PDB file of N, CA and C in Angstrom:
ATOM      1  N   MET A   1     111.381  64.804  59.054  1.00  0.00           N
ATOM      2  CA  MET A   1     111.108  63.632  58.234  1.00  0.00           C
ATOM      3  C   MET A   1     109.656  63.707  57.760  1.00  0.00           C
ATOM      4  N   LEU A   2     109.465  63.389  56.523  1.00  0.00           N
ATOM      5  CA  LEU A   2     108.125  63.385  55.947  1.00  0.00           C
ATOM      6  C   LEU A   2     107.530  61.984  56.030  1.00  0.00           C
ATOM      7  N   ILE A   3     106.333  61.903  56.559  1.00  0.00           N
ATOM      8  CA  ILE A   3     105.679  60.602  56.695  1.00  0.00           C
ATOM      9  C   ILE A   3     105.358  60.016  55.331  1.00  0.00           C
ATOM     10  N   ARG A   4     105.093  60.868  54.352  1.00  0.00           N
ATOM     11  CA  ARG A   4     104.750  60.369  53.015  1.00  0.00           C
ATOM     12  C   ARG A   4     105.906  59.615  52.361  1.00  0.00           C
ATOM     13  N   GLN A   5     107.118  59.816  52.842  1.00  0.00           N
ATOM     14  CA  GLN A   5     108.275  59.154  52.247  1.00  0.00           C
ATOM     15  C   GLN A   5     108.649  57.861  52.964  1.00  0.00           C
ATOM     16  N   LEU A   6     107.930  57.522  54.008  1.00  0.00           N
ATOM     17  CA  LEU A   6     108.203  56.270  54.710  1.00  0.00           C
ATOM     18  C   LEU A   6     107.775  55.087  53.847  1.00  0.00           C
ATOM     19  N   PRO A   7     108.429  53.937  54.029  1.00  0.00           N
ATOM     20  CA  PRO A   7     107.995  52.747  53.294  1.00  0.00           C
ATOM     21  C   PRO A   7     106.545  52.399  53.638  1.00  0.00           C
ATOM     22  N   LEU A   8     105.805  51.923  52.645  1.00  0.00           N
ATOM     23  CA  LEU A   8     104.386  51.611  52.843  1.00  0.00           C
ATOM     24  C   LEU A   8     104.161  50.522  53.885  1.00  0.00           C
ATOM     25  N   ARG A   9     105.135  49.666  54.092  1.00  0.00           N
ATOM     26  CA  ARG A   9     104.994  48.560  55.046  1.00  0.00           C
ATOM     27  C   ARG A   9     105.563  48.912  56.422  1.00  0.00           C
ATOM     28  N   SER A  10     105.960  50.167  56.644  1.00  0.00           N
ATOM     29  CA  SER A  10     106.527  50.540  57.942  1.00  0.00           C
ATOM     30  C   SER A  10     105.451  50.488  59.018  1.00  0.00           C
ATOM     31  N   ARG A  11     105.876  50.321  60.252  1.00  0.00           N
ATOM     32  CA  ARG A  11     104.925  50.220  61.365  1.00  0.00           C
ATOM     33  C   ARG A  11     104.155  51.515  61.563  1.00  0.00           C
ATOM     34  N   LEU A  12     104.815  52.661  61.373  1.00  0.00           N
ATOM     35  CA  LEU A  12     104.130  53.940  61.563  1.00  0.00           C
ATOM     36  C   LEU A  12     103.039  54.134  60.515  1.00  0.00           C
ATOM     37  N   VAL A  13     103.348  53.854  59.261  1.00  0.00           N
ATOM     38  CA  VAL A  13     102.348  53.995  58.197  1.00  0.00           C
ATOM     39  C   VAL A  13     101.190  53.036  58.445  1.00  0.00           C
ATOM     40  N   THR A  14     101.504  51.817  58.858  1.00  0.00           N
ATOM     41  CA  THR A  14     100.462  50.836  59.161  1.00  0.00           C
ATOM     42  C   THR A  14      99.585  51.317  60.318  1.00  0.00           C
ATOM     43  N   ALA A  15     100.202  51.862  61.354  1.00  0.00           N
ATOM     44  CA  ALA A  15      99.438  52.363  62.502  1.00  0.00           C
ATOM     45  C   ALA A  15      98.543  53.529  62.103  1.00  0.00           C
ATOM     46  N   LEU A  16      99.038  54.411  61.257  1.00  0.00           N
ATOM     47  CA  LEU A  16      98.251  55.560  60.820  1.00  0.00           C
ATOM     48  C   LEU A  16      97.130  55.161  59.867  1.00  0.00           C
ATOM     49  N   ASN A  17      97.218  53.958  59.303  1.00  0.00           N
ATOM     50  CA  ASN A  17      96.215  53.477  58.357  1.00  0.00           C
ATOM     51  C   ASN A  17      95.268  52.476  59.024  1.00  0.00           C
ATOM     52  N   GLY A  18      95.030  52.650  60.305  1.00  0.00           N
ATOM     53  CA  GLY A  18      94.084  51.780  61.007  1.00  0.00           C
ATOM     54  C   GLY A  18      94.572  50.359  61.203  1.00  0.00           C
ATOM     55  N   GLY A  19      95.886  50.163  61.272  1.00  0.00           N
ATOM     56  CA  GLY A  19      96.438  48.834  61.498  1.00  0.00           C
ATOM     57  C   GLY A  19      96.619  48.002  60.243  1.00  0.00           C
ATOM     58  N   ARG A  20      96.280  48.573  59.091  1.00  0.00           N
ATOM     59  CA  ARG A  20      96.451  47.850  57.821  1.00  0.00           C
ATOM     60  C   ARG A  20      97.581  48.502  57.032  1.00  0.00           C
ATOM     61  N   PRO A  21      98.463  47.704  56.426  1.00  0.00           N
ATOM     62  CA  PRO A  21      99.505  48.320  55.598  1.00  0.00           C
ATOM     63  C   PRO A  21      98.888  48.993  54.375  1.00  0.00           C
ATOM     64  N   LYS A  22      99.485  50.081  53.937  1.00  0.00           N
ATOM     65  CA  LYS A  22      98.990  50.773  52.736  1.00  0.00           C
ATOM     66  C   LYS A  22      99.245  49.901  51.518  1.00  0.00           C
ATOM     67  N   TRP A  23      98.404  50.068  50.517  1.00  0.00           N
ATOM     68  CA  TRP A  23      98.577  49.320  49.279  1.00  0.00           C
ATOM     69  C   TRP A  23      99.691  49.933  48.450  1.00  0.00           C
ATOM     70  N   THR A  24     100.434  49.073  47.762  1.00  0.00           N
ATOM     71  CA  THR A  24     101.449  49.540  46.822  1.00  0.00           C
ATOM     72  C   THR A  24     100.774  49.821  45.486  1.00  0.00           C
ATOM     73  N   THR A  25     101.515  50.418  44.576  1.00  0.00           N
ATOM     74  CA  THR A  25     100.991  50.699  43.238  1.00  0.00           C
ATOM     75  C   THR A  25     100.561  49.407  42.552  1.00  0.00           C
ATOM     76  N   ILE A  26     101.347  48.359  42.720  1.00  0.00           N
ATOM     77  CA  ILE A  26     101.028  47.073  42.091  1.00  0.00           C
ATOM     78  C   ILE A  26      99.706  46.525  42.631  1.00  0.00           C
ATOM     79  N   GLU A  27      99.488  46.651  43.922  1.00  0.00           N
ATOM     80  CA  GLU A  27      98.236  46.157  44.508  1.00  0.00           C
ATOM     81  C   GLU A  27      97.030  46.944  43.996  1.00  0.00           C
ATOM     82  N   HIS A  28      97.194  48.246  43.809  1.00  0.00           N
ATOM     83  CA  HIS A  28      96.105  49.049  43.239  1.00  0.00           C
ATOM     84  C   HIS A  28      95.826  48.635  41.795  1.00  0.00           C
ATOM     85  N   LEU A  29      96.882  48.410  41.022  1.00  0.00           N
ATOM     86  CA  LEU A  29      96.696  47.982  39.628  1.00  0.00           C
ATOM     87  C   LEU A  29      96.023  46.612  39.559  1.00  0.00           C
ATOM     88  N   LEU A  30      96.429  45.698  40.428  1.00  0.00           N
ATOM     89  CA  LEU A  30      95.796  44.374  40.450  1.00  0.00           C
ATOM     90  C   LEU A  30      94.315  44.469  40.813  1.00  0.00           C
ATOM     91  N   ALA A  31      93.975  45.352  41.724  1.00  0.00           N
ATOM     92  CA  ALA A  31      92.564  45.538  42.088  1.00  0.00           C
ATOM     93  C   ALA A  31      91.775  46.096  40.909  1.00  0.00           C
ATOM     94  N   ASP A  32      92.377  47.010  40.144  1.00  0.00           N
ATOM     95  CA  ASP A  32      91.706  47.540  38.952  1.00  0.00           C
ATOM     96  C   ASP A  32      91.507  46.444  37.904  1.00  0.00           C
ATOM     97  N   ILE A  33      92.529  45.611  37.719  1.00  0.00           N
ATOM     98  CA  ILE A  33      92.415  44.498  36.766  1.00  0.00           C
ATOM     99  C   ILE A  33      91.323  43.533  37.225  1.00  0.00           C
ATOM    100  N   TRP A  34      91.274  43.250  38.536  1.00  0.00           N
ATOM    101  CA  TRP A  34      90.230  42.377  39.081  1.00  0.00           C
ATOM    102  C   TRP A  34      88.845  42.932  38.760  1.00  0.00           C
ATOM    103  N   ALA A  35      88.650  44.230  38.966  1.00  0.00           N
ATOM    104  CA  ALA A  35      87.337  44.836  38.716  1.00  0.00           C
ATOM    105  C   ALA A  35      86.960  44.723  37.243  1.00  0.00           C
ATOM    106  N   VAL A  36      87.929  44.948  36.365  1.00  0.00           N
ATOM    107  CA  VAL A  36      87.658  44.850  34.924  1.00  0.00           C
ATOM    108  C   VAL A  36      87.302  43.415  34.547  1.00  0.00           C
ATOM    109  N   LEU A  37      88.056  42.440  35.073  1.00  0.00           N
ATOM    110  CA  LEU A  37      87.780  41.038  34.753  1.00  0.00           C
ATOM    111  C   LEU A  37      86.407  40.601  35.268  1.00  0.00           C
ATOM    112  N   VAL A  38      86.035  41.051  36.442  1.00  0.00           N
ATOM    113  CA  VAL A  38      84.711  40.704  36.974  1.00  0.00           C
ATOM    114  C   VAL A  38      83.626  41.266  36.066  1.00  0.00           C
ATOM    115  N   LYS A  39      83.812  42.499  35.590  1.00  0.00           N
ATOM    116  CA  LYS A  39      82.819  43.107  34.689  1.00  0.00           C
ATOM    117  C   LYS A  39      82.738  42.353  33.365  1.00  0.00           C
ATOM    118  N   LEU A  40      83.902  41.956  32.834  1.00  0.00           N
ATOM    119  CA  LEU A  40      83.928  41.296  31.526  1.00  0.00           C
ATOM    120  C   LEU A  40      83.469  39.841  31.579  1.00  0.00           C
ATOM    121  N   LEU A  41      83.910  39.119  32.599  1.00  0.00           N
ATOM    122  CA  LEU A  41      83.691  37.675  32.625  1.00  0.00           C
ATOM    123  C   LEU A  41      82.569  37.233  33.562  1.00  0.00           C
ATOM    124  N   GLY A  42      82.108  38.132  34.400  1.00  0.00           N
ATOM    125  CA  GLY A  42      81.073  37.767  35.367  1.00  0.00           C
ATOM    126  C   GLY A  42      79.704  37.661  34.720  1.00  0.00           C
ATOM    127  N   ASP A  43      78.821  36.973  35.405  1.00  0.00           N
ATOM    128  CA  ASP A  43      77.435  36.842  34.964  1.00  0.00           C
ATOM    129  C   ASP A  43      76.764  38.213  35.064  1.00  0.00           C
ATOM    130  N   PRO A  44      76.293  38.771  33.942  1.00  0.00           N
ATOM    131  CA  PRO A  44      75.704  40.120  33.962  1.00  0.00           C
ATOM    132  C   PRO A  44      74.536  40.263  34.932  1.00  0.00           C
ATOM    133  N   ASP A  45      73.839  39.167  35.212  1.00  0.00           N
ATOM    134  CA  ASP A  45      72.710  39.233  36.141  1.00  0.00           C
ATOM    135  C   ASP A  45      73.164  39.302  37.606  1.00  0.00           C
ATOM    136  N   LYS A  46      74.391  38.829  37.880  1.00  0.00           N
ATOM    137  CA  LYS A  46      74.869  38.772  39.261  1.00  0.00           C
ATOM    138  C   LYS A  46      75.882  39.863  39.603  1.00  0.00           C
ATOM    139  N   VAL A  47      76.561  40.400  38.595  1.00  0.00           N
ATOM    140  CA  VAL A  47      77.592  41.415  38.853  1.00  0.00           C
ATOM    141  C   VAL A  47      76.925  42.777  39.012  1.00  0.00           C
ATOM    142  N   PRO A  48      77.177  43.458  40.126  1.00  0.00           N
ATOM    143  CA  PRO A  48      76.584  44.788  40.306  1.00  0.00           C
ATOM    144  C   PRO A  48      77.084  45.762  39.240  1.00  0.00           C
ATOM    145  N   GLU A  49      76.249  46.705  38.879  1.00  0.00           N
ATOM    146  CA  GLU A  49      76.587  47.694  37.850  1.00  0.00           C
ATOM    147  C   GLU A  49      77.761  48.566  38.278  1.00  0.00           C
ATOM    148  N   ASN A  50      77.841  48.861  39.565  1.00  0.00           N
ATOM    149  CA  ASN A  50      78.833  49.814  40.043  1.00  0.00           C
ATOM    150  C   ASN A  50      80.066  49.166  40.667  1.00  0.00           C
ATOM    151  N   ILE A  51      80.392  47.928  40.302  1.00  0.00           N
ATOM    152  CA  ILE A  51      81.558  47.258  40.882  1.00  0.00           C
ATOM    153  C   ILE A  51      82.817  48.036  40.490  1.00  0.00           C
ATOM    154  N   ASP A  52      83.700  48.217  41.457  1.00  0.00           N
ATOM    155  CA  ASP A  52      84.897  49.017  41.220  1.00  0.00           C
ATOM    156  C   ASP A  52      86.023  48.503  42.111  1.00  0.00           C
ATOM    157  N   HIS A  53      87.138  49.162  42.018  1.00  0.00           N
ATOM    158  CA  HIS A  53      88.300  48.925  42.859  1.00  0.00           C
ATOM    159  C   HIS A  53      87.808  48.798  44.300  1.00  0.00           C
ATOM    160  N   PRO A  54      88.193  47.752  45.034  1.00  0.00           N
ATOM    161  CA  PRO A  54      87.612  47.480  46.347  1.00  0.00           C
ATOM    162  C   PRO A  54      87.725  48.614  47.374  1.00  0.00           C
ATOM    163  N   VAL A  55      88.747  49.441  47.283  1.00  0.00           N
ATOM    164  CA  VAL A  55      88.908  50.498  48.288  1.00  0.00           C
ATOM    165  C   VAL A  55      88.860  51.903  47.697  1.00  0.00           C
ATOM    166  N   ARG A  56      88.424  52.027  46.450  1.00  0.00           N
ATOM    167  CA  ARG A  56      88.418  53.348  45.810  1.00  0.00           C
ATOM    168  C   ARG A  56      87.510  54.342  46.539  1.00  0.00           C
ATOM    169  N   ALA A  57      86.343  53.907  46.966  1.00  0.00           N
ATOM    170  CA  ALA A  57      85.427  54.816  47.674  1.00  0.00           C
ATOM    171  C   ALA A  57      86.058  55.295  48.977  1.00  0.00           C
ATOM    172  N   GLU A  58      86.703  54.387  49.690  1.00  0.00           N
ATOM    173  CA  GLU A  58      87.374  54.763  50.939  1.00  0.00           C
ATOM    174  C   GLU A  58      88.523  55.729  50.661  1.00  0.00           C
ATOM    175  N   MET A  59      89.285  55.459  49.596  1.00  0.00           N
ATOM    176  CA  MET A  59      90.396  56.347  49.237  1.00  0.00           C
ATOM    177  C   MET A  59      89.883  57.738  48.890  1.00  0.00           C
ATOM    178  N   ALA A  60      88.817  57.808  48.132  1.00  0.00           N
ATOM    179  CA  ALA A  60      88.256  59.107  47.740  1.00  0.00           C
ATOM    180  C   ALA A  60      87.735  59.860  48.959  1.00  0.00           C
ATOM    181  N   ALA A  61      87.090  59.151  49.870  1.00  0.00           N
ATOM    182  CA  ALA A  61      86.579  59.803  51.081  1.00  0.00           C
ATOM    183  C   ALA A  61      87.722  60.326  51.945  1.00  0.00           C
ATOM    184  N   ASN A  62      88.783  59.530  52.078  1.00  0.00           N
ATOM    185  CA  ASN A  62      89.940  59.970  52.860  1.00  0.00           C
ATOM    186  C   ASN A  62      90.606  61.180  52.223  1.00  0.00           C
ATOM    187  N   GLU A  63      90.728  61.150  50.900  1.00  0.00           N
ATOM    188  CA  GLU A  63      91.340  62.271  50.188  1.00  0.00           C
ATOM    189  C   GLU A  63      90.511  63.541  50.363  1.00  0.00           C
ATOM    190  N   LYS A  64      89.196  63.403  50.288  1.00  0.00           N
ATOM    191  CA  LYS A  64      88.312  64.560  50.440  1.00  0.00           C
ATOM    192  C   LYS A  64      88.409  65.136  51.852  1.00  0.00           C
ATOM    193  N   SER A  65      88.408  64.267  52.862  1.00  0.00           N
ATOM    194  CA  SER A  65      88.489  64.761  54.239  1.00  0.00           C
ATOM    195  C   SER A  65      89.850  65.393  54.516  1.00  0.00           C
ATOM    196  N   GLU A  66      90.913  64.845  53.941  1.00  0.00           N
ATOM    197  CA  GLU A  66      92.247  65.436  54.099  1.00  0.00           C
ATOM    198  C   GLU A  66      92.303  66.811  53.442  1.00  0.00           C
ATOM    199  N   HIS A  67      91.677  66.934  52.281  1.00  0.00           N
ATOM    200  CA  HIS A  67      91.635  68.224  51.586  1.00  0.00           C
ATOM    201  C   HIS A  67      90.880  69.257  52.425  1.00  0.00           C
ATOM    202  N   LYS A  68      89.745  68.851  52.986  1.00  0.00           N
ATOM    203  CA  LYS A  68      88.967  69.759  53.841  1.00  0.00           C
ATOM    204  C   LYS A  68      89.771  70.170  55.073  1.00  0.00           C
ATOM    205  N   ARG A  69      90.478  69.210  55.667  1.00  0.00           N
ATOM    206  CA  ARG A  69      91.287  69.505  56.839  1.00  0.00           C
ATOM    207  C   ARG A  69      92.383  70.511  56.507  1.00  0.00           C
ATOM    208  N   ALA A  70      93.040  70.330  55.352  1.00  0.00           N
ATOM    209  CA  ALA A  70      94.098  71.252  54.936  1.00  0.00           C
ATOM    210  C   ALA A  70      93.540  72.648  54.679  1.00  0.00           C
ATOM    211  N   LEU A  71      92.370  72.728  54.048  1.00  0.00           N
ATOM    212  CA  LEU A  71      91.747  74.034  53.811  1.00  0.00           C
ATOM    213  C   LEU A  71      91.418  74.730  55.126  1.00  0.00           C
ATOM    214  N   LYS A  72      90.871  73.981  56.063  1.00  0.00           N
ATOM    215  CA  LYS A  72      90.521  74.557  57.362  1.00  0.00           C
ATOM    216  C   LYS A  72      91.778  75.042  58.082  1.00  0.00           C
ATOM    217  N   GLU A  73      92.831  74.252  58.006  1.00  0.00           N
ATOM    218  CA  GLU A  73      94.093  74.631  58.643  1.00  0.00           C
ATOM    219  C   GLU A  73      94.645  75.928  58.045  1.00  0.00           C
ATOM    220  N   ARG A  74      94.605  76.046  56.717  1.00  0.00           N
ATOM    221  CA  ARG A  74      95.074  77.281  56.065  1.00  0.00           C
ATOM    222  C   ARG A  74      94.215  78.468  56.469  1.00  0.00           C
ATOM    223  N   TYR A  75      92.899  78.266  56.522  1.00  0.00           N
ATOM    224  CA  TYR A  75      91.986  79.338  56.909  1.00  0.00           C
ATOM    225  C   TYR A  75      92.292  79.816  58.329  1.00  0.00           C
ATOM    226  N   LEU A  76      92.448  78.873  59.259  1.00  0.00           N
ATOM    227  CA  LEU A  76      92.716  79.240  60.643  1.00  0.00           C
ATOM    228  C   LEU A  76      94.065  79.936  60.790  1.00  0.00           C
ATOM    229  N   LYS A  77      95.047  79.516  60.001  1.00  0.00           N
ATOM    230  CA  LYS A  77      96.360  80.170  60.040  1.00  0.00           C
ATOM    231  C   LYS A  77      96.248  81.601  59.536  1.00  0.00           C
ATOM    232  N   ARG A  78      95.547  81.810  58.417  1.00  0.00           N
ATOM    233  CA  ARG A  78      95.359  83.173  57.894  1.00  0.00           C
ATOM    234  C   ARG A  78      94.618  84.033  58.905  1.00  0.00           C
ATOM    235  N   LYS A  79      93.605  83.453  59.529  1.00  0.00           N
ATOM    236  CA  LYS A  79      92.808  84.189  60.506  1.00  0.00           C
ATOM    237  C   LYS A  79      93.671  84.611  61.700  1.00  0.00           C
ATOM    238  N   SER A  80      94.510  83.707  62.196  1.00  0.00           N
ATOM    239  CA  SER A  80      95.364  84.050  63.337  1.00  0.00           C
ATOM    240  C   SER A  80      96.445  85.050  62.934  1.00  0.00           C
ATOM    241  N   ASP A  81      96.939  84.963  61.688  1.00  0.00           N
ATOM    242  CA  ASP A  81      97.931  85.932  61.203  1.00  0.00           C
ATOM    243  C   ASP A  81      97.329  87.325  61.117  1.00  0.00           C
ATOM    244  N   ARG A  82      96.074  87.424  60.718  1.00  0.00           N
ATOM    245  CA  ARG A  82      95.404  88.729  60.622  1.00  0.00           C
ATOM    246  C   ARG A  82      95.217  89.348  62.000  1.00  0.00           C
ATOM    247  N   ARG A  83      94.915  88.523  62.977  1.00  0.00           N
ATOM    248  CA  ARG A  83      94.716  89.039  64.335  1.00  0.00           C
ATOM    249  C   ARG A  83      96.016  89.594  64.915  1.00  0.00           C
ATOM    250  N   ARG A  84      97.126  88.982  64.541  1.00  0.00           N
ATOM    251  CA  ARG A  84      98.429  89.431  65.044  1.00  0.00           C
ATOM    252  C   ARG A  84      98.864  90.741  64.402  1.00  0.00           C
ATOM    253  N   SER A  85      98.355  91.002  63.203  1.00  0.00           N
ATOM    254  CA  SER A  85      98.766  92.208  62.470  1.00  0.00           C
ATOM    255  C   SER A  85      98.143  93.461  63.008  1.00  0.00           C
TER     256      SER A  85
END
């Protein structure tokens, strides 16, 4: 069974996400709309220049660390395969 195919609100996915349910596509889109509205309608003196999707930085960091982990795993597998040869 692939964990990526589990429902976003499942207990396992929630547990793997630090106890928080994963966001659905609709929730991500709503967060993007919120960021755009804050930029457009907010007071320019009070709205930070870099306001963005509330969890985008966390998502990018998680994606980067997962990519690094996968690369390391592939490297170690190739290394162990070479030793066996």
